[in-house]
Protein backbone atom coordinates (compact mmCIF):
# COMPACT_ATOMS: atom_id res chain seq x y z
CA UNK A 1 -9.92 -60.68 -77.77
CA UNK A 2 -6.66 -60.00 -76.05
CA UNK A 3 -5.97 -62.15 -73.04
CA UNK A 4 -6.84 -60.52 -69.76
CA UNK A 5 -3.83 -59.31 -67.85
CA UNK A 6 -3.77 -60.58 -64.29
CA UNK A 7 -3.64 -57.80 -61.76
CA UNK A 8 -0.84 -58.46 -59.26
CA UNK A 9 -2.06 -58.81 -55.70
CA UNK A 10 -0.31 -56.45 -53.36
CA UNK A 11 0.65 -57.68 -49.90
CA UNK A 12 -0.36 -55.16 -47.26
CA UNK A 13 2.59 -53.54 -45.51
CA UNK A 14 3.03 -54.77 -42.00
CA UNK A 15 5.21 -52.54 -39.85
CA UNK A 16 7.90 -54.35 -37.90
CA UNK A 17 6.99 -55.25 -34.36
CA UNK A 18 9.27 -53.60 -31.85
CA UNK A 19 9.82 -55.86 -28.88
CA UNK A 20 9.20 -54.02 -25.64
CA UNK A 21 11.25 -55.40 -22.75
CA UNK A 22 8.95 -57.35 -20.44
CA UNK A 23 9.42 -55.17 -17.32
CA UNK A 24 8.31 -52.05 -19.22
CA UNK A 25 4.96 -53.71 -19.99
CA UNK A 26 4.13 -53.40 -16.29
CA UNK A 27 2.55 -49.99 -15.60
CA UNK A 28 4.00 -49.56 -12.13
CA UNK A 29 7.53 -50.35 -13.28
CA UNK A 30 7.12 -48.12 -16.34
CA UNK A 31 6.23 -45.11 -14.15
CA UNK A 32 9.11 -45.98 -11.83
CA UNK A 33 11.54 -46.27 -14.74
CA UNK A 34 10.61 -42.96 -16.37
CA UNK A 35 10.52 -41.24 -12.99
CA UNK A 36 14.03 -42.38 -12.14
CA UNK A 37 15.15 -41.12 -15.54
CA UNK A 38 13.89 -37.60 -14.79
CA UNK A 39 15.29 -37.84 -11.27
CA UNK A 40 18.72 -38.83 -12.57
CA UNK A 41 18.86 -35.97 -15.06
CA UNK A 42 18.00 -33.50 -12.30
CA UNK A 43 20.47 -35.03 -9.84
CA UNK A 44 23.33 -35.01 -12.35
CA UNK A 45 22.56 -31.41 -13.25
CA UNK A 46 22.82 -30.51 -9.56
CA UNK A 47 26.11 -32.40 -9.16
CA UNK A 48 27.72 -30.68 -12.15
CA UNK A 49 26.47 -27.18 -11.39
CA UNK A 50 27.22 -27.24 -7.65
CA UNK A 51 30.69 -28.70 -8.22
CA UNK A 52 31.59 -26.21 -10.92
CA UNK A 53 30.21 -23.26 -8.99
CA UNK A 54 32.10 -24.17 -5.80
CA UNK A 55 35.36 -24.62 -7.72
CA UNK A 56 34.80 -21.48 -9.79
CA UNK A 57 34.07 -19.32 -6.74
CA UNK A 58 37.05 -20.81 -4.88
CA UNK A 59 39.45 -20.28 -7.79
CA UNK A 60 38.70 -16.57 -7.70
CA UNK A 61 40.72 -16.33 -4.48
CA UNK A 62 42.60 -19.66 -4.15
CA UNK A 63 45.30 -21.71 -5.87
CA UNK A 64 44.18 -24.80 -7.84
CA UNK A 65 45.23 -27.24 -5.10
CA UNK A 66 43.34 -25.36 -2.39
CA UNK A 67 40.27 -25.03 -4.60
CA UNK A 68 40.43 -28.77 -5.37
CA UNK A 69 40.39 -29.47 -1.63
CA UNK A 70 37.26 -27.37 -1.25
CA UNK A 71 35.71 -29.23 -4.16
CA UNK A 72 36.36 -32.48 -2.30
CA UNK A 73 34.60 -31.07 0.75
CA UNK A 74 31.36 -30.97 -1.26
CA UNK A 75 31.44 -34.77 -1.33
CA UNK A 76 32.09 -34.97 2.40
CA UNK A 77 29.17 -32.65 3.18
CA UNK A 78 26.80 -34.91 1.21
CA UNK A 79 28.24 -38.06 2.78
CA UNK A 80 27.75 -36.98 6.41
CA UNK A 81 23.91 -37.16 6.43
CA UNK A 82 23.95 -40.42 4.51
CA UNK A 83 26.39 -41.95 7.00
CA UNK A 84 24.38 -40.76 9.98
CA UNK A 85 21.02 -41.85 8.59
CA UNK A 86 21.91 -45.13 6.84
CA UNK A 87 20.61 -47.57 9.42
CA UNK A 88 17.55 -45.43 10.17
CA UNK A 89 16.47 -45.11 6.53
CA UNK A 90 16.93 -48.85 6.03
CA UNK A 91 14.50 -49.62 8.86
CA UNK A 92 12.08 -46.99 7.54
CA UNK A 93 12.21 -48.56 4.06
CA UNK A 94 11.21 -51.92 5.55
CA UNK A 95 8.46 -50.54 7.82
CA UNK A 96 6.90 -47.68 5.80
CA UNK A 97 5.44 -47.64 2.30
CA UNK A 98 8.51 -47.29 0.10
CA UNK A 99 6.57 -45.23 -2.43
CA UNK A 100 5.82 -42.57 0.18
CA UNK A 101 9.45 -42.41 1.32
CA UNK A 102 10.67 -41.94 -2.24
CA UNK A 103 8.07 -39.25 -2.93
CA UNK A 104 8.98 -37.27 0.19
CA UNK A 105 12.71 -37.54 -0.57
CA UNK A 106 12.27 -36.33 -4.15
CA UNK A 107 10.13 -33.43 -2.92
CA UNK A 108 12.98 -32.41 -0.58
CA UNK A 109 15.47 -32.51 -3.46
CA UNK A 110 13.11 -30.40 -5.56
CA UNK A 111 13.00 -27.83 -2.75
CA UNK A 112 16.83 -27.73 -2.62
CA UNK A 113 17.03 -27.01 -6.34
CA UNK A 114 14.36 -24.33 -5.98
CA UNK A 115 16.22 -22.60 -3.13
CA UNK A 116 19.46 -22.49 -5.12
CA UNK A 117 17.56 -21.21 -8.14
CA UNK A 118 16.03 -18.40 -6.09
CA UNK A 119 19.40 -17.44 -4.58
CA UNK A 120 21.08 -17.50 -7.99
CA UNK A 121 18.27 -15.39 -9.44
CA UNK A 122 18.97 -12.76 -6.77
CA UNK A 123 22.74 -13.10 -7.32
CA UNK A 124 23.09 -14.07 -3.64
CA UNK A 125 24.75 -17.50 -3.95
CA UNK A 126 27.81 -18.07 -1.78
CA UNK A 127 30.04 -21.07 -1.10
CA UNK A 128 28.50 -21.33 2.37
CA UNK A 129 24.98 -21.47 0.93
CA UNK A 130 26.03 -24.14 -1.55
CA UNK A 131 27.43 -26.29 1.27
CA UNK A 132 24.28 -25.94 3.40
CA UNK A 133 21.99 -26.91 0.53
CA UNK A 134 24.33 -29.77 -0.46
CA UNK A 135 23.95 -31.12 3.10
CA UNK A 136 20.14 -31.02 2.93
CA UNK A 137 20.27 -32.50 -0.57
CA UNK A 138 22.30 -35.37 0.93
CA UNK A 139 19.47 -36.03 3.40
CA UNK A 140 17.04 -36.40 0.51
CA UNK A 141 19.38 -38.78 -1.28
CA UNK A 142 19.86 -40.80 1.92
CA UNK A 143 16.13 -41.60 2.05
CA UNK A 144 15.53 -41.85 -1.71
CA UNK A 145 18.28 -44.37 -2.46
CA UNK A 146 17.25 -47.33 -0.24
CA UNK A 147 13.53 -46.73 -0.81
CA UNK A 148 13.82 -46.71 -4.61
CA UNK A 149 16.28 -49.62 -4.66
CA UNK A 150 14.07 -51.75 -2.41
CA UNK A 151 10.93 -50.75 -4.34
CA UNK A 152 12.09 -52.00 -7.75
CA UNK A 153 11.95 -55.76 -6.92
CA UNK A 154 8.34 -55.29 -5.74
CA UNK A 155 7.28 -54.05 -9.17
CA UNK A 156 8.26 -57.06 -11.32
CA UNK A 157 8.16 -60.86 -10.98
CA UNK A 158 11.37 -62.43 -9.71
CA UNK A 159 12.23 -63.97 -13.09
CA UNK A 160 12.24 -60.48 -14.67
CA UNK A 161 14.43 -58.92 -11.98
CA UNK A 162 17.80 -59.14 -13.84
CA UNK A 163 16.25 -57.45 -16.90
CA UNK A 164 14.58 -54.86 -14.67
CA UNK A 165 17.93 -54.09 -13.01
CA UNK A 166 19.59 -53.68 -16.39
CA UNK A 167 16.74 -51.45 -17.61
CA UNK A 168 17.04 -49.42 -14.42
CA UNK A 169 20.71 -48.97 -15.19
CA UNK A 170 19.81 -47.78 -18.70
CA UNK A 171 17.43 -45.22 -17.19
CA UNK A 172 20.10 -44.04 -14.77
CA UNK A 173 22.93 -43.99 -17.28
CA UNK A 174 20.88 -42.27 -19.99
CA UNK A 175 19.92 -39.62 -17.47
CA UNK A 176 23.55 -39.38 -16.47
CA UNK A 177 24.44 -38.77 -20.13
CA UNK A 178 21.83 -36.06 -20.62
CA UNK A 179 22.17 -34.38 -17.22
CA UNK A 180 25.77 -33.08 -17.24
CA UNK A 181 25.74 -31.38 -20.66
CA UNK A 182 22.28 -29.99 -20.01
CA UNK A 183 23.36 -28.62 -16.64
CA UNK A 184 26.60 -27.18 -18.06
CA UNK A 185 24.94 -25.47 -21.02
CA UNK A 186 22.12 -24.08 -18.89
CA UNK A 187 24.69 -22.85 -16.37
CA UNK A 188 26.55 -21.12 -19.20
CA UNK A 189 23.32 -19.18 -19.76
CA UNK A 190 22.77 -18.56 -16.04
CA UNK A 191 23.07 -20.51 -12.82
CA UNK A 192 19.44 -19.72 -11.97
CA UNK A 193 18.25 -21.32 -15.21
CA UNK A 194 20.12 -24.55 -14.43
CA UNK A 195 18.74 -24.84 -10.89
CA UNK A 196 15.16 -23.99 -11.90
CA UNK A 197 15.26 -26.57 -14.70
CA UNK A 198 16.51 -29.17 -12.21
CA UNK A 199 13.64 -28.30 -9.85
CA UNK A 200 11.17 -28.80 -12.70
CA UNK A 201 12.61 -32.25 -13.46
CA UNK A 202 12.43 -33.23 -9.80
CA UNK A 203 8.78 -32.20 -9.95
CA UNK A 204 8.20 -34.42 -12.99
CA UNK A 205 9.84 -37.34 -11.20
CA UNK A 206 7.61 -36.77 -8.19
CA UNK A 207 4.52 -36.78 -10.41
CA UNK A 208 5.51 -40.10 -11.98
CA UNK A 209 6.20 -41.69 -8.60
CA UNK A 210 2.70 -40.66 -7.56
CA UNK A 211 1.34 -42.82 -10.41
CA UNK A 212 2.74 -46.03 -8.91
CA UNK A 213 -0.13 -48.01 -7.43
CA UNK A 214 -0.08 -50.25 -4.35
CA UNK A 215 2.66 -52.87 -4.41
CA UNK A 216 3.30 -55.99 -2.31
CA UNK A 217 5.04 -55.21 0.95
CA UNK A 218 6.96 -57.52 3.27
CA UNK A 219 5.35 -58.46 6.54
CA UNK A 220 6.05 -55.97 9.30
CA UNK A 221 8.97 -56.98 11.49
CA UNK A 222 8.10 -57.90 15.06
CA UNK A 223 11.56 -57.26 16.47
CA UNK A 224 12.70 -54.13 18.24
CA UNK A 225 13.81 -51.14 16.21
CA UNK A 226 17.39 -51.63 17.41
CA UNK A 227 17.35 -55.23 16.20
CA UNK A 228 16.00 -54.00 12.87
CA UNK A 229 18.85 -51.50 12.67
CA UNK A 230 21.58 -54.09 13.11
CA UNK A 231 19.96 -56.85 11.02
CA UNK A 232 21.06 -55.26 7.76
CA UNK A 233 24.65 -54.97 8.94
CA UNK A 234 24.54 -58.50 10.34
CA UNK A 235 23.28 -59.96 7.11
CA UNK A 236 25.88 -58.20 4.98
CA UNK A 237 28.64 -59.14 7.44
CA UNK A 238 27.81 -62.84 7.25
CA UNK A 239 26.98 -63.09 3.55
CA UNK A 240 30.42 -63.32 1.99
CA UNK A 241 29.22 -62.79 -1.57
CA UNK A 242 27.24 -59.64 -0.72
CA UNK A 243 30.01 -58.32 1.55
CA UNK A 244 32.68 -58.93 -1.07
CA UNK A 245 30.69 -57.32 -3.89
CA UNK A 246 29.79 -54.22 -1.85
CA UNK A 247 33.23 -53.68 -0.31
CA UNK A 248 35.06 -54.21 -3.61
CA UNK A 249 33.04 -51.42 -5.16
CA UNK A 250 33.63 -49.25 -2.08
CA UNK A 251 37.40 -49.35 -2.09
CA UNK A 252 37.92 -49.43 -5.86
CA UNK A 253 35.75 -46.36 -6.53
CA UNK A 254 36.94 -44.67 -3.33
CA UNK A 255 40.48 -44.72 -4.71
CA UNK A 256 39.66 -44.28 -8.40
CA UNK A 257 37.54 -41.14 -8.05
CA UNK A 258 38.49 -39.43 -11.31
CA UNK A 259 35.10 -37.76 -11.74
CA UNK A 260 35.60 -35.72 -8.56
CA UNK A 261 38.43 -33.83 -10.25
CA UNK A 262 36.60 -33.14 -13.52
CA UNK A 263 36.10 -29.40 -12.81
CA UNK A 264 39.87 -29.17 -12.22
CA UNK A 265 40.62 -30.98 -15.48
CA UNK A 266 38.06 -28.95 -17.44
CA UNK A 267 39.45 -25.62 -16.25
CA UNK A 268 43.16 -26.13 -15.54
CA UNK A 269 44.36 -29.30 -17.36
CA UNK A 270 42.37 -29.66 -20.59
CA UNK A 271 41.34 -25.97 -20.69
CA UNK A 272 37.84 -26.62 -22.08
CA UNK A 273 35.80 -24.57 -19.56
CA UNK A 274 32.30 -25.28 -18.30
CA UNK A 275 31.11 -26.19 -21.80
CA UNK A 276 33.69 -29.01 -21.88
CA UNK A 277 32.80 -30.14 -18.37
CA UNK A 278 29.43 -31.43 -19.55
CA UNK A 279 30.84 -33.91 -22.13
CA UNK A 280 33.56 -34.98 -19.69
CA UNK A 281 30.99 -35.69 -17.00
CA UNK A 282 28.72 -37.48 -19.49
CA UNK A 283 31.43 -39.68 -21.06
CA UNK A 284 31.40 -42.38 -18.34
CA UNK A 285 27.62 -42.55 -18.61
CA UNK A 286 27.82 -42.98 -22.40
CA UNK A 287 30.01 -46.04 -22.00
CA UNK A 288 27.81 -47.32 -19.19
CA UNK A 289 24.55 -46.77 -21.11
CA UNK A 290 25.74 -48.71 -24.16
CA UNK A 291 26.83 -51.55 -21.88
CA UNK A 292 23.56 -51.46 -19.93
CA UNK A 293 21.58 -51.65 -23.18
CA UNK A 294 23.47 -54.78 -24.16
CA UNK A 295 22.91 -56.27 -20.70
CA UNK A 296 19.17 -55.54 -20.86
CA UNK A 297 18.74 -57.73 -23.93
CA UNK A 298 21.50 -60.24 -23.19
CA UNK A 299 21.93 -60.35 -19.40
CA UNK A 300 25.13 -61.79 -18.03
CA UNK A 301 24.40 -65.30 -16.75
CA UNK A 302 27.72 -67.13 -16.34
CA UNK A 303 31.09 -66.43 -14.69
CA UNK A 304 29.63 -63.39 -12.94
CA UNK A 305 32.32 -63.29 -10.23
CA UNK A 306 35.38 -63.38 -12.51
CA UNK A 307 33.77 -60.86 -14.87
CA UNK A 308 33.23 -58.45 -11.97
CA UNK A 309 36.90 -58.61 -10.94
CA UNK A 310 38.15 -58.09 -14.50
CA UNK A 311 35.90 -55.06 -14.95
CA UNK A 312 36.97 -53.43 -11.67
CA UNK A 313 40.62 -53.81 -12.74
CA UNK A 314 39.77 -52.28 -16.13
CA UNK A 315 38.06 -49.42 -14.28
CA UNK A 316 41.33 -48.71 -12.45
CA UNK A 317 43.41 -48.85 -15.63
CA UNK A 318 41.07 -46.46 -17.47
CA UNK A 319 41.22 -44.07 -14.50
CA UNK A 320 45.02 -43.98 -14.68
CA UNK A 321 44.94 -43.34 -18.44
CA UNK A 322 42.52 -40.44 -17.95
CA UNK A 323 44.73 -39.00 -15.22
CA UNK A 324 47.75 -38.89 -17.55
CA UNK A 325 45.88 -37.58 -20.61
CA UNK A 326 46.16 -33.99 -21.80
CA UNK A 327 44.10 -34.64 -24.96
CA UNK A 328 40.34 -34.15 -24.83
CA UNK A 329 39.48 -37.05 -27.15
CA UNK A 330 41.71 -39.51 -25.28
CA UNK A 331 40.24 -38.30 -21.99
CA UNK A 332 36.69 -38.83 -23.26
CA UNK A 333 37.58 -42.33 -24.51
CA UNK A 334 39.18 -43.28 -21.18
CA UNK A 335 36.14 -42.04 -19.28
CA UNK A 336 33.80 -44.00 -21.59
CA UNK A 337 35.77 -47.21 -20.97
CA UNK A 338 35.75 -46.42 -17.25
CA UNK A 339 31.97 -46.11 -17.32
CA UNK A 340 31.47 -49.31 -19.31
CA UNK A 341 33.61 -51.32 -16.91
CA UNK A 342 31.86 -49.82 -13.91
CA UNK A 343 28.44 -50.58 -15.42
CA UNK A 344 29.18 -54.30 -15.64
CA UNK A 345 30.49 -54.26 -12.08
CA UNK A 346 27.37 -52.43 -10.87
CA UNK A 347 25.10 -54.85 -12.74
CA UNK A 348 26.78 -57.88 -11.18
CA UNK A 349 26.83 -56.35 -7.70
CA UNK A 350 23.17 -55.23 -7.84
CA UNK A 351 21.97 -58.60 -9.14
CA UNK A 352 23.93 -60.53 -6.52
CA UNK A 353 22.56 -58.36 -3.71
CA UNK A 354 18.95 -58.59 -4.88
CA UNK A 355 19.10 -62.33 -5.56
CA UNK A 356 20.80 -63.16 -2.25
CA UNK A 357 18.65 -60.92 0.01
CA UNK A 358 15.19 -61.82 1.40
CA UNK A 359 12.52 -59.27 0.47
CA UNK A 360 11.78 -58.53 4.14
CA UNK A 361 15.37 -57.28 4.52
CA UNK A 362 15.88 -55.53 1.19
CA UNK A 363 15.36 -52.05 2.67
CA UNK A 364 17.97 -52.59 5.39
CA UNK A 365 20.47 -54.29 3.10
CA UNK A 366 19.88 -51.63 0.41
CA UNK A 367 20.59 -48.97 3.03
CA UNK A 368 23.90 -50.63 3.91
CA UNK A 369 24.69 -50.93 0.20
CA UNK A 370 23.86 -47.25 -0.32
CA UNK A 371 26.22 -46.36 2.53
CA UNK A 372 29.05 -48.20 0.81
CA UNK A 373 28.16 -46.70 -2.58
CA UNK A 374 27.98 -43.18 -1.19
CA UNK A 375 31.23 -43.71 0.67
CA UNK A 376 32.83 -44.72 -2.62
CA UNK A 377 31.39 -41.66 -4.40
CA UNK A 378 30.97 -38.71 -2.02
CA UNK A 379 33.67 -39.81 0.43
CA UNK A 380 35.79 -40.67 -2.60
CA UNK A 381 35.43 -37.04 -3.71
CA UNK A 382 36.70 -35.94 -0.31
CA UNK A 383 39.62 -38.38 -0.55
CA UNK A 384 40.42 -37.06 -4.03
CA UNK A 385 40.33 -33.48 -2.74
CA UNK A 386 42.72 -34.33 0.11
CA UNK A 387 45.08 -36.23 -2.20
CA UNK A 388 44.95 -33.48 -4.83
CA UNK A 389 45.84 -30.84 -2.22
CA UNK A 390 48.78 -33.01 -1.13
CA UNK A 391 50.11 -34.47 -4.42
CA UNK A 392 48.33 -32.43 -7.10
CA UNK A 393 45.17 -33.27 -9.10
CA UNK A 394 46.87 -35.31 -11.85
CA UNK A 395 48.97 -37.34 -9.45
CA UNK A 396 45.92 -38.00 -7.28
CA UNK A 397 43.89 -39.45 -10.18
CA UNK A 398 46.73 -41.67 -11.45
CA UNK A 399 47.52 -42.98 -7.97
CA UNK A 400 43.83 -43.71 -7.44
CA UNK A 401 43.59 -45.79 -10.63
CA UNK A 402 46.63 -47.85 -9.65
CA UNK A 403 45.15 -48.29 -6.18
CA UNK A 404 41.91 -49.66 -7.67
CA UNK A 405 43.88 -52.32 -9.54
CA UNK A 406 45.70 -53.31 -6.34
CA UNK A 407 42.38 -53.55 -4.46
CA UNK A 408 41.00 -55.85 -7.17
CA UNK A 409 43.87 -58.28 -6.64
CA UNK A 410 43.51 -58.22 -2.87
CA UNK A 411 39.75 -58.85 -3.00
CA UNK A 412 40.14 -61.68 -5.53
CA UNK A 413 42.42 -63.37 -2.98
CA UNK A 414 40.35 -62.49 0.10
CA UNK A 415 36.88 -63.40 -1.27
CA UNK A 416 37.21 -66.71 -3.14
CA UNK A 417 33.42 -67.21 -2.89
CA UNK A 418 32.88 -64.12 -5.03
CA UNK A 419 35.74 -65.00 -7.38
CA UNK A 420 34.23 -68.43 -8.02
CA UNK A 421 30.61 -67.22 -8.38
CA UNK A 422 29.24 -68.55 -11.65
CA UNK A 423 25.53 -67.62 -11.61
CA UNK A 424 23.58 -64.93 -9.76
CA UNK A 425 21.31 -67.38 -7.97
CA UNK A 426 23.87 -70.03 -7.07
CA UNK A 427 23.12 -71.42 -3.60
CA UNK A 428 25.36 -69.97 -0.91
CA UNK A 429 25.30 -71.91 2.39
CA UNK A 430 26.72 -68.99 4.34
CA UNK A 431 24.15 -66.62 2.86
CA UNK A 432 21.38 -69.09 3.68
CA UNK A 433 22.55 -69.29 7.27
CA UNK A 434 22.65 -65.49 7.56
CA UNK A 435 19.16 -65.16 6.09
CA UNK A 436 17.80 -67.88 8.37
CA UNK A 437 19.23 -66.19 11.46
CA UNK A 438 18.01 -62.74 10.41
CA UNK A 439 14.49 -63.87 9.56
CA UNK A 440 14.36 -66.01 12.66
CA UNK A 441 14.91 -62.81 14.60
CA UNK A 442 11.71 -61.43 13.09
CA UNK A 443 9.82 -64.31 14.65
CA UNK A 444 11.54 -64.06 18.03
CA UNK A 445 11.23 -60.54 19.34
CA UNK A 446 12.65 -61.52 22.72
CA UNK A 447 16.12 -62.36 21.42
CA UNK A 448 18.64 -60.45 23.45
CA UNK A 449 21.42 -58.66 21.64
């Protein structure tokens, strides 16, 4: 008899295990993360469509420089409510359930998008209406920013916070990649379509925020409301690392506001129209998202201060290159590098602020941080509009990039504590003193100011 042939034993196929980042395994953080993604897409759609529509309507009757000035005014209109409400929203974020604040703010933004959609549907949109809605939209952003920023650390354990911050940046940057092209292409179909789609995304974000269950909250402050208002400013003023990180971002981005002039470049410099505006607006987010993805899996742990300064200087250099470019591909590359450099700077700044701030003060400190960030963005748009009306759009962008490099050098000299920072959680005696004084105020309501 022929020898029996052994039947080979087949090893069952085991699909590869995809590692899910630890923060996303937490249901509350997962709902928060996806909600912020939808919120970011909607917000970026609104930014692109409102900016383009204001510039387009203005160019029908104005010269490019005058229209660029009006475009800068959009940033100022959104900055005014944030400036006026900063201290108030910080106190609210530390006294009221942060989930409820975020939900109400997103609902207000959804209403703004719906109003613009209805006006566009009736072909009744005017520059004046756009400015009014932009102002109300700024109110929603003023409350949403500190509440969402202060909420994130309550959703994950402290040891997962750097990864959660990086993942939050991925959510934001991915939304910032998808939002501008989506808004531009929908606007090319009709303005009403773009605004209605943004309203739907705001609604989705609101639904996801409603899924977040109860989270730990800091003990209610026992000090007066006025003391609560000034505590955030006091803490930032006396924490040299937090003050240096926030103010560096403020002045660098304030001067290097290339994105404010993107409608001008799309229409009058690169001649790519509204369809080209979407990729231009998304390019910084592409660079930032790739960088954020790397940081999520390999967070920066050493030499955080020097890295931040190098990246802010690179941000300025990339801004100047974009300003001089008349080639679409070179412009997109410069904007991608700009976004990557800014992402590392944002990651370092956010981690330093969260690690060096007591939880009971995170709402107030986040509100101060949001004021500086908005000043660097919205007020930076106003500054770019003023400079463009005076020097011209190209000259304004180039001068801003050079200014950002100069600011980096000045801050490296003026804030040696930040320049020498090696790790996020390095002990800072000055920060400890500021925290001790601020929290001591919570236990002594009779302290006179």
